[in-house]
Protein backbone atom coordinates (compact mmCIF):
# COMPACT_ATOMS: atom_id res chain seq x y z
CA MET A 1 9.78 -28.49 13.38
CA ARG A 2 7.67 -25.71 11.88
CA ALA A 3 9.04 -23.15 9.49
CA ILE A 4 9.06 -19.43 10.06
CA ASP A 5 7.24 -17.54 7.35
CA THR A 6 7.85 -13.86 6.86
CA LEU A 7 5.66 -11.23 5.28
CA ALA A 8 7.20 -7.97 4.14
CA MET A 9 4.04 -5.95 3.66
CA PRO A 10 2.85 -2.57 4.84
CA ALA A 11 0.68 -2.70 7.93
CA GLY A 12 -2.54 -0.75 8.19
CA GLN A 13 -3.11 -0.70 4.43
CA GLY A 14 -5.43 -3.73 4.20
CA LYS A 15 -2.80 -5.93 2.53
CA LEU A 16 -1.96 -8.40 5.31
CA PRO A 17 -3.87 -11.64 4.70
CA PRO A 18 -6.02 -12.68 7.70
CA SER A 19 -4.59 -16.21 7.78
CA ARG A 20 -5.26 -17.02 11.47
CA ASN A 21 -2.44 -19.59 11.43
CA ALA A 22 0.39 -17.67 13.12
CA ARG A 23 1.35 -18.22 16.74
CA VAL A 24 3.47 -15.08 16.92
CA ALA A 25 3.26 -11.82 14.98
CA VAL A 26 6.22 -9.47 15.15
CA PHE A 27 6.06 -5.95 13.81
CA GLY A 28 9.27 -4.20 12.93
CA SER A 29 9.75 -0.72 14.30
CA VAL A 30 7.10 0.76 12.06
CA LEU A 31 4.49 2.29 14.31
CA MET A 32 6.47 5.14 15.85
CA PRO A 33 8.42 6.30 12.74
CA VAL A 34 5.28 6.34 10.62
CA LEU A 35 3.44 8.38 13.22
CA GLU A 36 6.37 10.71 13.90
CA PHE A 37 7.56 11.33 10.36
CA GLY A 38 4.39 10.67 8.38
CA ASP A 39 2.08 13.38 7.16
CA MET A 40 -1.06 12.09 8.87
CA ALA A 41 -3.36 14.12 11.06
CA TYR A 42 -3.74 12.84 14.62
CA ALA A 43 -7.06 11.09 13.92
CA ASP A 44 -5.64 9.48 10.78
CA GLY A 45 -2.64 8.22 12.75
CA VAL A 46 -4.85 6.70 15.43
CA ALA A 47 -6.99 5.02 12.75
CA TRP A 48 -3.86 3.67 11.02
CA VAL A 49 -2.52 2.17 14.28
CA ASP A 50 -5.93 0.60 14.91
CA ARG A 51 -5.95 -0.97 11.42
CA ALA A 52 -2.34 -2.15 11.72
CA LEU A 53 -2.94 -3.86 15.07
CA ALA A 54 -6.20 -5.41 13.83
CA GLU A 55 -4.34 -6.83 10.82
CA ALA A 56 -1.65 -8.28 13.13
CA ALA A 57 -4.32 -9.85 15.34
CA ALA A 58 -5.98 -11.38 12.25
CA LEU A 59 -2.75 -13.27 11.53
CA LEU A 60 -2.85 -15.05 14.89
CA GLN A 61 -4.46 -18.35 15.79
CA ARG A 62 -7.30 -18.14 18.26
CA SER A 63 -6.85 -19.95 21.49
CA PRO A 64 -9.74 -22.10 22.71
CA ASP A 65 -9.77 -19.93 25.86
CA THR A 66 -10.08 -16.69 23.90
CA ILE A 67 -13.06 -14.63 24.93
CA GLN A 68 -15.06 -13.74 21.84
């Protein structure tokens, strides 16, 4: 049985380690509150979401069928 590791780190800030060993990545409800209540301009918010999702994807294992 494999353990569940948790990371309590801010997404989109370049702090999530690109481990590529996770099978599942779960984000808490961070995207909408940060965009709604943050002080970012629209373009900054879009860039932050892009970085956050790229960091989450970098945590995941690549499947042999993944298109590169």
